Amino acid sequence: MKLIRWGAADQEKTGVIVNDVWYDTSAFGQDYNEQFFSDNGLEKLSAFVRENEGELEVVPQDTRLGSPIGRPSKLVCIGLNYADHARETNAPLPPEPVVFMKSTTAIVGPFDQIMIPKGSVKTDWEVELAIVIGKKASYVEEAEALDYVAGYVLHNDVSEREFQIERNGTWDKGKGCDTFAPLGPFLATKEEIADVNNLRLWLSVNGKMMQDGNTSNFIFNVPFVVSYVSQFMTLLPGDVISTGTPAGVGLGFKPPVYLKAGDVVELGIDGLGTSRQEVIAFEKR
């Protein structure tokens, strides 16, 4: 299945995509959140769609899409998970995954705007494959890790490099700014993706291709990442793990290239659709 959430921000309704048509599933009565995933929601939703075939209302495709999952308890990120990206940022290859957190208040829809933070001069882009957890995961074995995955989603891990690298402390302060986590357009359940460790992912800025990589170049693949993170924290249903970005970020250019108001970022991953964000200057909300 492909799950969407649609409508005005903070008022999203649920839906599914079937044969490229968007259908309203709000009558199902449950948002795509922690409770949904923990309550066998995917199977129940699938049954609901089958039982109501031909009766579900069509959602116009010019409707705004929100994040395909309700706000999760955690958005965990893996840094430096592609060797080419580590090299371009002059970072050593990590012997274990680099783990940091991204604020869930950064989550926006796939076609919402990216807002440059107040005082920022180094806002950057990162196309990433994100994993959505399907059931509570703690100390999971790598061989069983995919049993805990509900599906996958496209993520732009927008990053402010000065805040992240030059302002002391952890990476988190450059990662969790408002609008810094566009997710979607849809969540693809895992059976939709034949080989999650062999997907092309790409990103362009103003029509110029900046990133063009493949998840086959992971340093740490999806099962390893799920298992690894679960050794340090309990992952709850609906939690998101973003798996890192390939080479081509603005920080890696010589001289570096960063986003400015008016820029347009487009990105995509095989089987997970595409998204597009216009960059705007800071405005207090």
C-alpha atoms as a PDB file:
ATOM      1  CA  MET A   1       0.000   0.000   0.000  1.00  0.00           C
ATOM      2  CA  LYS A   2       0.871   3.654  -0.373  1.00  0.00           C
ATOM      3  CA  LEU A   3      -0.372   5.880   2.429  1.00  0.00           C
ATOM      4  CA  ILE A   4      -0.935   9.635   2.207  1.00  0.00           C
ATOM      5  CA  ARG A   5      -2.187  12.351   4.540  1.00  0.00           C
ATOM      6  CA  TRP A   6      -3.824  15.283   2.826  1.00  0.00           C
ATOM      7  CA  GLY A   7      -5.425  18.645   3.528  1.00  0.00           C
ATOM      8  CA  ALA A   8      -4.530  21.774   5.463  1.00  0.00           C
ATOM      9  CA  ALA A   9      -1.538  21.701   7.805  1.00  0.00           C
ATOM     10  CA  ASP A  10      -2.374  20.208  11.207  1.00  0.00           C
ATOM     11  CA  GLN A  11      -5.788  19.171   9.868  1.00  0.00           C
ATOM     12  CA  GLU A  12      -4.715  16.368   7.554  1.00  0.00           C
ATOM     13  CA  LYS A  13      -7.030  13.508   6.668  1.00  0.00           C
ATOM     14  CA  THR A  14      -5.832  10.049   5.671  1.00  0.00           C
ATOM     15  CA  GLY A  15      -5.774   8.427   2.268  1.00  0.00           C
ATOM     16  CA  VAL A  16      -4.254   5.736   0.086  1.00  0.00           C
ATOM     17  CA  ILE A  17      -2.952   5.645  -3.468  1.00  0.00           C
ATOM     18  CA  VAL A  18      -4.290   2.827  -5.643  1.00  0.00           C
ATOM     19  CA  ASN A  19      -3.276   2.679  -9.305  1.00  0.00           C
ATOM     20  CA  ASP A  20      -2.078   6.292  -9.063  1.00  0.00           C
ATOM     21  CA  VAL A  21      -5.485   7.503  -7.808  1.00  0.00           C
ATOM     22  CA  TRP A  22      -5.716   9.187  -4.399  1.00  0.00           C
ATOM     23  CA  TYR A  23      -8.562   7.920  -2.215  1.00  0.00           C
ATOM     24  CA  ASP A  24      -9.927   9.367   1.024  1.00  0.00           C
ATOM     25  CA  THR A  25      -9.781   6.878   3.921  1.00  0.00           C
ATOM     26  CA  SER A  26     -10.796   9.282   6.674  1.00  0.00           C
ATOM     27  CA  ALA A  27     -13.869   7.087   7.311  1.00  0.00           C
ATOM     28  CA  PHE A  28     -11.415   4.462   8.546  1.00  0.00           C
ATOM     29  CA  GLY A  29     -11.341   6.617  11.641  1.00  0.00           C
ATOM     30  CA  GLN A  30      -7.688   6.543  12.600  1.00  0.00           C
ATOM     31  CA  ASP A  31      -4.712   8.726  11.766  1.00  0.00           C
ATOM     32  CA  TYR A  32      -1.469   7.128  10.624  1.00  0.00           C
ATOM     33  CA  ASN A  33       0.299   7.482  13.951  1.00  0.00           C
ATOM     34  CA  GLU A  34       1.794   5.384  16.758  1.00  0.00           C
ATOM     35  CA  GLN A  35      -1.567   3.936  17.773  1.00  0.00           C
ATOM     36  CA  PHE A  36      -2.369   3.028  14.166  1.00  0.00           C
ATOM     37  CA  PHE A  37       0.851   1.086  13.622  1.00  0.00           C
ATOM     38  CA  SER A  38       0.765  -0.583  17.043  1.00  0.00           C
ATOM     39  CA  ASP A  39      -2.848  -1.718  16.550  1.00  0.00           C
ATOM     40  CA  ASN A  40      -2.248  -3.742  13.381  1.00  0.00           C
ATOM     41  CA  GLY A  41      -3.411  -0.703  11.446  1.00  0.00           C
ATOM     42  CA  LEU A  42      -1.866  -1.595   8.105  1.00  0.00           C
ATOM     43  CA  GLU A  43      -3.761  -4.883   7.870  1.00  0.00           C
ATOM     44  CA  LYS A  44      -6.983  -3.279   9.088  1.00  0.00           C
ATOM     45  CA  LEU A  45      -6.599  -0.425   6.603  1.00  0.00           C
ATOM     46  CA  SER A  46      -5.948  -2.863   3.757  1.00  0.00           C
ATOM     47  CA  ALA A  47      -9.151  -4.724   4.652  1.00  0.00           C
ATOM     48  CA  PHE A  48     -11.083  -1.446   4.866  1.00  0.00           C
ATOM     49  CA  VAL A  49      -9.909  -0.432   1.378  1.00  0.00           C
ATOM     50  CA  ARG A  50     -10.886  -3.809  -0.086  1.00  0.00           C
ATOM     51  CA  GLU A  51     -14.291  -3.767   1.596  1.00  0.00           C
ATOM     52  CA  ASN A  52     -15.012  -0.248   0.347  1.00  0.00           C
ATOM     53  CA  GLU A  53     -13.667  -0.632  -3.174  1.00  0.00           C
ATOM     54  CA  GLY A  54     -15.605   1.582  -5.544  1.00  0.00           C
ATOM     55  CA  GLU A  55     -17.091   3.640  -2.716  1.00  0.00           C
ATOM     56  CA  LEU A  56     -14.097   5.649  -1.499  1.00  0.00           C
ATOM     57  CA  GLU A  57     -14.061   9.316  -2.484  1.00  0.00           C
ATOM     58  CA  VAL A  58     -11.309  10.467  -4.823  1.00  0.00           C
ATOM     59  CA  VAL A  59      -8.966  13.175  -3.506  1.00  0.00           C
ATOM     60  CA  PRO A  60      -8.071  15.790  -6.165  1.00  0.00           C
ATOM     61  CA  GLN A  61      -4.375  15.592  -6.971  1.00  0.00           C
ATOM     62  CA  ASP A  62      -3.915  19.340  -6.552  1.00  0.00           C
ATOM     63  CA  THR A  63      -4.672  18.899  -2.840  1.00  0.00           C
ATOM     64  CA  ARG A  64      -1.888  19.653  -0.372  1.00  0.00           C
ATOM     65  CA  LEU A  65      -0.097  16.585   1.009  1.00  0.00           C
ATOM     66  CA  GLY A  66       1.173  16.498   4.568  1.00  0.00           C
ATOM     67  CA  SER A  67       3.686  14.124   6.054  1.00  0.00           C
ATOM     68  CA  PRO A  68       2.362  10.614   5.357  1.00  0.00           C
ATOM     69  CA  ILE A  69       2.617   9.757   9.044  1.00  0.00           C
ATOM     70  CA  GLY A  70       1.340  11.690  12.039  1.00  0.00           C
ATOM     71  CA  ARG A  71       4.000  13.253  14.224  1.00  0.00           C
ATOM     72  CA  PRO A  72       6.145  10.343  15.495  1.00  0.00           C
ATOM     73  CA  SER A  73       7.689  10.076  18.936  1.00  0.00           C
ATOM     74  CA  LYS A  74      11.162  10.235  17.359  1.00  0.00           C
ATOM     75  CA  LEU A  75      12.925  11.151  14.142  1.00  0.00           C
ATOM     76  CA  VAL A  76      16.331   9.454  14.390  1.00  0.00           C
ATOM     77  CA  CYS A  77      19.022  10.112  11.782  1.00  0.00           C
ATOM     78  CA  ILE A  78      22.163   8.316  10.665  1.00  0.00           C
ATOM     79  CA  GLY A  79      25.081  10.506   9.607  1.00  0.00           C
ATOM     80  CA  LEU A  80      27.902   9.779   7.161  1.00  0.00           C
ATOM     81  CA  ASN A  81      26.332   6.547   5.889  1.00  0.00           C
ATOM     82  CA  TYR A  82      27.707   6.841   2.347  1.00  0.00           C
ATOM     83  CA  ALA A  83      31.475   6.722   1.850  1.00  0.00           C
ATOM     84  CA  ASP A  84      31.376   9.370  -0.907  1.00  0.00           C
ATOM     85  CA  HIS A  85      29.533  11.814   1.371  1.00  0.00           C
ATOM     86  CA  ALA A  86      32.007  11.247   4.199  1.00  0.00           C
ATOM     87  CA  ARG A  87      34.886  11.959   1.819  1.00  0.00           C
ATOM     88  CA  GLU A  88      33.358  15.174   0.433  1.00  0.00           C
ATOM     89  CA  THR A  89      32.920  16.550   3.961  1.00  0.00           C
ATOM     90  CA  ASN A  90      36.461  15.501   4.986  1.00  0.00           C
ATOM     91  CA  ALA A  91      35.077  13.157   7.640  1.00  0.00           C
ATOM     92  CA  PRO A  92      36.606   9.740   8.413  1.00  0.00           C
ATOM     93  CA  LEU A  93      34.490   6.676   7.658  1.00  0.00           C
ATOM     94  CA  PRO A  94      32.621   5.896  10.862  1.00  0.00           C
ATOM     95  CA  PRO A  95      33.377   2.515  12.493  1.00  0.00           C
ATOM     96  CA  GLU A  96      29.813   2.543  13.841  1.00  0.00           C
ATOM     97  CA  PRO A  97      26.766   4.537  12.713  1.00  0.00           C
ATOM     98  CA  VAL A  98      26.676   8.210  13.676  1.00  0.00           C
ATOM     99  CA  VAL A  99      23.304   8.773  15.388  1.00  0.00           C
ATOM    100  CA  PHE A 100      21.587  12.100  16.004  1.00  0.00           C
ATOM    101  CA  MET A 101      18.027  13.295  16.531  1.00  0.00           C
ATOM    102  CA  LYS A 102      15.966  15.645  14.424  1.00  0.00           C
ATOM    103  CA  SER A 103      13.116  17.538  16.069  1.00  0.00           C
ATOM    104  CA  THR A 104       9.673  16.249  15.135  1.00  0.00           C
ATOM    105  CA  THR A 105       8.526  19.881  14.910  1.00  0.00           C
ATOM    106  CA  ALA A 106      10.697  20.107  11.784  1.00  0.00           C
ATOM    107  CA  ILE A 107       8.350  17.743   9.915  1.00  0.00           C
ATOM    108  CA  VAL A 108       6.371  19.246   7.041  1.00  0.00           C
ATOM    109  CA  GLY A 109       4.713  17.993   3.885  1.00  0.00           C
ATOM    110  CA  PRO A 110       6.611  17.041   0.729  1.00  0.00           C
ATOM    111  CA  PHE A 111       5.619  20.188  -1.196  1.00  0.00           C
ATOM    112  CA  ASP A 112       5.697  22.649   1.699  1.00  0.00           C
ATOM    113  CA  GLN A 113       8.254  25.456   1.830  1.00  0.00           C
ATOM    114  CA  ILE A 114      11.683  25.255   3.440  1.00  0.00           C
ATOM    115  CA  MET A 115      12.226  28.300   5.632  1.00  0.00           C
ATOM    116  CA  ILE A 116      15.811  29.474   6.146  1.00  0.00           C
ATOM    117  CA  PRO A 117      16.280  29.894   9.919  1.00  0.00           C
ATOM    118  CA  LYS A 118      16.910  33.267  11.517  1.00  0.00           C
ATOM    119  CA  GLY A 119      20.601  34.117  11.162  1.00  0.00           C
ATOM    120  CA  SER A 120      21.342  31.207   8.819  1.00  0.00           C
ATOM    121  CA  VAL A 121      23.867  31.522   6.005  1.00  0.00           C
ATOM    122  CA  LYS A 122      24.580  27.806   5.461  1.00  0.00           C
ATOM    123  CA  THR A 123      21.279  25.982   4.924  1.00  0.00           C
ATOM    124  CA  ASP A 124      21.930  22.768   2.973  1.00  0.00           C
ATOM    125  CA  TRP A 125      20.025  19.855   1.422  1.00  0.00           C
ATOM    126  CA  GLU A 126      20.234  16.061   1.859  1.00  0.00           C
ATOM    127  CA  VAL A 127      18.081  13.493   0.041  1.00  0.00           C
ATOM    128  CA  GLU A 128      17.553  10.434   2.248  1.00  0.00           C
ATOM    129  CA  LEU A 129      15.678   7.161   2.480  1.00  0.00           C
ATOM    130  CA  ALA A 130      13.715   7.055   5.736  1.00  0.00           C
ATOM    131  CA  ILE A 131      12.455   3.924   7.497  1.00  0.00           C
ATOM    132  CA  VAL A 132       9.114   3.868   9.316  1.00  0.00           C
ATOM    133  CA  ILE A 133       8.969   1.485  12.277  1.00  0.00           C
ATOM    134  CA  GLY A 134       5.921  -0.796  12.440  1.00  0.00           C
ATOM    135  CA  LYS A 135       6.124  -2.248  15.929  1.00  0.00           C
ATOM    136  CA  LYS A 136       7.950  -1.654  19.199  1.00  0.00           C
ATOM    137  CA  ALA A 137      11.620  -2.472  18.736  1.00  0.00           C
ATOM    138  CA  SER A 138      14.190  -2.937  21.482  1.00  0.00           C
ATOM    139  CA  TYR A 139      17.459  -4.907  21.188  1.00  0.00           C
ATOM    140  CA  VAL A 140      16.424  -6.275  17.801  1.00  0.00           C
ATOM    141  CA  GLU A 141      18.657  -8.810  16.040  1.00  0.00           C
ATOM    142  CA  GLU A 142      19.806  -7.770  12.567  1.00  0.00           C
ATOM    143  CA  ALA A 143      18.355 -10.951  11.021  1.00  0.00           C
ATOM    144  CA  GLU A 144      14.915  -9.981  12.356  1.00  0.00           C
ATOM    145  CA  ALA A 145      15.134  -6.228  11.810  1.00  0.00           C
ATOM    146  CA  LEU A 146      12.935  -6.022   8.704  1.00  0.00           C
ATOM    147  CA  ASP A 147      10.094  -7.617  10.683  1.00  0.00           C
ATOM    148  CA  TYR A 148       9.935  -4.322  12.596  1.00  0.00           C
ATOM    149  CA  VAL A 149       9.697  -2.124   9.493  1.00  0.00           C
ATOM    150  CA  ALA A 150       6.316  -0.839   8.302  1.00  0.00           C
ATOM    151  CA  GLY A 151       7.629   0.900   5.205  1.00  0.00           C
ATOM    152  CA  TYR A 152       9.718   3.669   3.716  1.00  0.00           C
ATOM    153  CA  VAL A 153       9.424   7.341   2.868  1.00  0.00           C
ATOM    154  CA  LEU A 154      11.370  10.056   1.039  1.00  0.00           C
ATOM    155  CA  HIS A 155      13.041  12.604   3.344  1.00  0.00           C
ATOM    156  CA  ASN A 156      14.918  15.841   2.733  1.00  0.00           C
ATOM    157  CA  ASP A 157      17.219  16.142   5.760  1.00  0.00           C
ATOM    158  CA  VAL A 158      17.623  19.910   5.513  1.00  0.00           C
ATOM    159  CA  SER A 159      20.644  21.024   7.555  1.00  0.00           C
ATOM    160  CA  GLU A 160      22.161  24.301   8.724  1.00  0.00           C
ATOM    161  CA  ARG A 161      25.903  23.659   8.593  1.00  0.00           C
ATOM    162  CA  GLU A 162      27.068  26.560  10.763  1.00  0.00           C
ATOM    163  CA  PHE A 163      24.622  25.568  13.513  1.00  0.00           C
ATOM    164  CA  GLN A 164      25.559  21.895  13.063  1.00  0.00           C
ATOM    165  CA  ILE A 165      29.339  22.117  12.882  1.00  0.00           C
ATOM    166  CA  GLU A 166      30.561  25.510  14.076  1.00  0.00           C
ATOM    167  CA  ARG A 167      28.306  26.315  17.027  1.00  0.00           C
ATOM    168  CA  ASN A 168      29.666  23.687  19.455  1.00  0.00           C
ATOM    169  CA  GLY A 169      27.904  20.630  20.835  1.00  0.00           C
ATOM    170  CA  THR A 170      25.857  18.064  18.946  1.00  0.00           C
ATOM    171  CA  TRP A 171      24.632  18.086  15.358  1.00  0.00           C
ATOM    172  CA  ASP A 172      21.027  18.393  16.509  1.00  0.00           C
ATOM    173  CA  LYS A 173      20.929  22.190  16.607  1.00  0.00           C
ATOM    174  CA  GLY A 174      21.578  22.341  12.852  1.00  0.00           C
ATOM    175  CA  LYS A 175      19.026  19.666  12.028  1.00  0.00           C
ATOM    176  CA  GLY A 176      15.796  20.405  13.876  1.00  0.00           C
ATOM    177  CA  CYS A 177      14.799  23.868  12.662  1.00  0.00           C
ATOM    178  CA  ASP A 178      11.226  24.435  11.538  1.00  0.00           C
ATOM    179  CA  THR A 179      10.505  22.982   8.037  1.00  0.00           C
ATOM    180  CA  PHE A 180      13.781  21.000   8.033  1.00  0.00           C
ATOM    181  CA  ALA A 181      12.133  17.575   7.547  1.00  0.00           C
ATOM    182  CA  PRO A 182       9.887  17.373   4.490  1.00  0.00           C
ATOM    183  CA  LEU A 183       8.521  13.792   4.391  1.00  0.00           C
ATOM    184  CA  GLY A 184       6.650  12.105   1.555  1.00  0.00           C
ATOM    185  CA  PRO A 185       4.787  12.236  -0.776  1.00  0.00           C
ATOM    186  CA  PHE A 186       3.667   8.845   0.516  1.00  0.00           C
ATOM    187  CA  LEU A 187       4.657   6.005   2.795  1.00  0.00           C
ATOM    188  CA  ALA A 188       5.251   2.826   0.789  1.00  0.00           C
ATOM    189  CA  THR A 189       4.764  -0.333   2.821  1.00  0.00           C
ATOM    190  CA  LYS A 190       7.747  -2.641   2.638  1.00  0.00           C
ATOM    191  CA  GLU A 191       6.215  -5.096   0.153  1.00  0.00           C
ATOM    192  CA  GLU A 192       6.093  -2.209  -2.356  1.00  0.00           C
ATOM    193  CA  ILE A 193       9.913  -2.045  -2.413  1.00  0.00           C
ATOM    194  CA  ALA A 194      11.671  -5.072  -3.907  1.00  0.00           C
ATOM    195  CA  ASP A 195      15.178  -4.250  -2.622  1.00  0.00           C
ATOM    196  CA  VAL A 196      15.512  -1.322  -0.254  1.00  0.00           C
ATOM    197  CA  ASN A 197      19.302  -1.629  -0.414  1.00  0.00           C
ATOM    198  CA  ASN A 198      19.336  -0.914  -4.159  1.00  0.00           C
ATOM    199  CA  LEU A 199      17.379   2.279  -4.804  1.00  0.00           C
ATOM    200  CA  ARG A 200      18.448   5.328  -6.790  1.00  0.00           C
ATOM    201  CA  LEU A 201      18.054   8.606  -4.925  1.00  0.00           C
ATOM    202  CA  TRP A 202      18.631  12.068  -6.353  1.00  0.00           C
ATOM    203  CA  LEU A 203      18.230  15.770  -5.637  1.00  0.00           C
ATOM    204  CA  SER A 204      18.367  18.906  -7.786  1.00  0.00           C
ATOM    205  CA  VAL A 205      18.458  22.607  -6.960  1.00  0.00           C
ATOM    206  CA  ASN A 206      16.957  25.013  -9.512  1.00  0.00           C
ATOM    207  CA  GLY A 207      16.982  22.181 -12.054  1.00  0.00           C
ATOM    208  CA  LYS A 208      20.687  21.342 -11.595  1.00  0.00           C
ATOM    209  CA  MET A 209      21.389  17.797 -10.409  1.00  0.00           C
ATOM    210  CA  MET A 210      23.333  17.905  -7.163  1.00  0.00           C
ATOM    211  CA  GLN A 211      22.968  14.398  -5.737  1.00  0.00           C
ATOM    212  CA  ASP A 212      22.624  11.146  -7.680  1.00  0.00           C
ATOM    213  CA  GLY A 213      23.338   8.058  -5.585  1.00  0.00           C
ATOM    214  CA  ASN A 214      22.136   4.591  -4.730  1.00  0.00           C
ATOM    215  CA  THR A 215      21.355   2.890  -1.432  1.00  0.00           C
ATOM    216  CA  SER A 216      23.578   0.003  -2.588  1.00  0.00           C
ATOM    217  CA  ASN A 217      26.410   2.280  -1.424  1.00  0.00           C
ATOM    218  CA  PHE A 218      25.289   2.330   2.209  1.00  0.00           C
ATOM    219  CA  ILE A 219      28.064   1.768   4.721  1.00  0.00           C
ATOM    220  CA  PHE A 220      25.418   0.363   7.094  1.00  0.00           C
ATOM    221  CA  ASN A 221      22.345  -1.125   5.415  1.00  0.00           C
ATOM    222  CA  VAL A 222      18.713  -0.953   6.545  1.00  0.00           C
ATOM    223  CA  PRO A 223      18.584  -4.112   8.720  1.00  0.00           C
ATOM    224  CA  PHE A 224      21.838  -3.174  10.427  1.00  0.00           C
ATOM    225  CA  VAL A 225      20.651   0.381  11.103  1.00  0.00           C
ATOM    226  CA  VAL A 226      17.332  -0.727  12.628  1.00  0.00           C
ATOM    227  CA  SER A 227      19.095  -3.278  14.826  1.00  0.00           C
ATOM    228  CA  TYR A 228      21.825  -0.823  15.824  1.00  0.00           C
ATOM    229  CA  VAL A 229      19.536   2.026  16.826  1.00  0.00           C
ATOM    230  CA  SER A 230      17.351  -0.377  18.827  1.00  0.00           C
ATOM    231  CA  GLN A 231      20.341  -1.166  21.053  1.00  0.00           C
ATOM    232  CA  PHE A 232      20.347   2.419  22.331  1.00  0.00           C
ATOM    233  CA  MET A 233      16.670   3.373  22.466  1.00  0.00           C
ATOM    234  CA  THR A 234      13.267   1.754  22.187  1.00  0.00           C
ATOM    235  CA  LEU A 235      11.761   2.475  18.799  1.00  0.00           C
ATOM    236  CA  LEU A 236       7.996   2.943  18.876  1.00  0.00           C
ATOM    237  CA  PRO A 237       5.519   2.263  16.061  1.00  0.00           C
ATOM    238  CA  GLY A 238       5.542   5.152  13.624  1.00  0.00           C
ATOM    239  CA  ASP A 239       9.055   6.286  14.559  1.00  0.00           C
ATOM    240  CA  VAL A 240      11.257   7.333  11.658  1.00  0.00           C
ATOM    241  CA  ILE A 241      14.919   6.509  11.030  1.00  0.00           C
ATOM    242  CA  SER A 242      16.576   8.491   8.228  1.00  0.00           C
ATOM    243  CA  THR A 243      19.480   6.574   6.750  1.00  0.00           C
ATOM    244  CA  GLY A 244      21.959   9.180   5.525  1.00  0.00           C
ATOM    245  CA  THR A 245      22.717  10.992   2.290  1.00  0.00           C
ATOM    246  CA  PRO A 246      25.015  10.396  -0.706  1.00  0.00           C
ATOM    247  CA  ALA A 247      27.570  12.872  -2.035  1.00  0.00           C
ATOM    248  CA  GLY A 248      26.512  16.174  -3.542  1.00  0.00           C
ATOM    249  CA  VAL A 249      25.486  18.294  -0.566  1.00  0.00           C
ATOM    250  CA  GLY A 250      26.216  22.014  -0.661  1.00  0.00           C
ATOM    251  CA  LEU A 251      28.876  21.706   2.033  1.00  0.00           C
ATOM    252  CA  GLY A 252      30.901  19.436  -0.244  1.00  0.00           C
ATOM    253  CA  PHE A 253      31.339  21.919  -3.105  1.00  0.00           C
ATOM    254  CA  LYS A 254      34.448  24.064  -3.368  1.00  0.00           C
ATOM    255  CA  PRO A 255      33.472  26.723  -2.529  1.00  0.00           C
ATOM    256  CA  PRO A 256      30.369  25.499  -0.676  1.00  0.00           C
ATOM    257  CA  VAL A 257      26.930  26.270  -2.132  1.00  0.00           C
ATOM    258  CA  TYR A 258      23.978  26.928   0.160  1.00  0.00           C
ATOM    259  CA  LEU A 259      20.265  27.521  -0.248  1.00  0.00           C
ATOM    260  CA  LYS A 260      18.820  31.013  -0.574  1.00  0.00           C
ATOM    261  CA  ALA A 261      15.299  32.369  -0.754  1.00  0.00           C
ATOM    262  CA  GLY A 262      13.730  31.617  -4.135  1.00  0.00           C
ATOM    263  CA  ASP A 263      15.624  28.371  -4.729  1.00  0.00           C
ATOM    264  CA  VAL A 264      13.634  25.266  -5.630  1.00  0.00           C
ATOM    265  CA  VAL A 265      14.706  21.835  -4.368  1.00  0.00           C
ATOM    266  CA  GLU A 266      13.403  18.680  -6.035  1.00  0.00           C
ATOM    267  CA  LEU A 267      14.244  15.132  -4.944  1.00  0.00           C
ATOM    268  CA  GLY A 268      13.164  11.541  -5.364  1.00  0.00           C
ATOM    269  CA  ILE A 269      13.824   7.879  -4.656  1.00  0.00           C
ATOM    270  CA  ASP A 270      12.890   4.872  -6.781  1.00  0.00           C
ATOM    271  CA  GLY A 271       9.477   3.625  -5.659  1.00  0.00           C
ATOM    272  CA  LEU A 272       8.962   6.460  -3.176  1.00  0.00           C
ATOM    273  CA  GLY A 273       7.969   9.288  -5.483  1.00  0.00           C
ATOM    274  CA  THR A 274       9.282  12.829  -5.700  1.00  0.00           C
ATOM    275  CA  SER A 275       8.925  16.002  -3.668  1.00  0.00           C
ATOM    276  CA  ARG A 276       9.528  19.688  -4.271  1.00  0.00           C
ATOM    277  CA  GLN A 277      10.217  22.526  -1.875  1.00  0.00           C
ATOM    278  CA  GLU A 278      10.546  26.246  -2.514  1.00  0.00           C
ATOM    279  CA  VAL A 279      12.981  28.015  -0.182  1.00  0.00           C
ATOM    280  CA  ILE A 280      11.784  31.134   1.640  1.00  0.00           C
ATOM    281  CA  ALA A 281      13.457  33.629   3.954  1.00  0.00           C
ATOM    282  CA  PHE A 282      12.905  33.487   7.715  1.00  0.00           C
ATOM    283  CA  GLU A 283       9.552  34.661   8.989  1.00  0.00           C
ATOM    284  CA  LYS A 284       8.323  34.404  12.556  1.00  0.00           C
ATOM    285  CA  ARG A 285       5.391  31.996  12.913  1.00  0.00           C
END
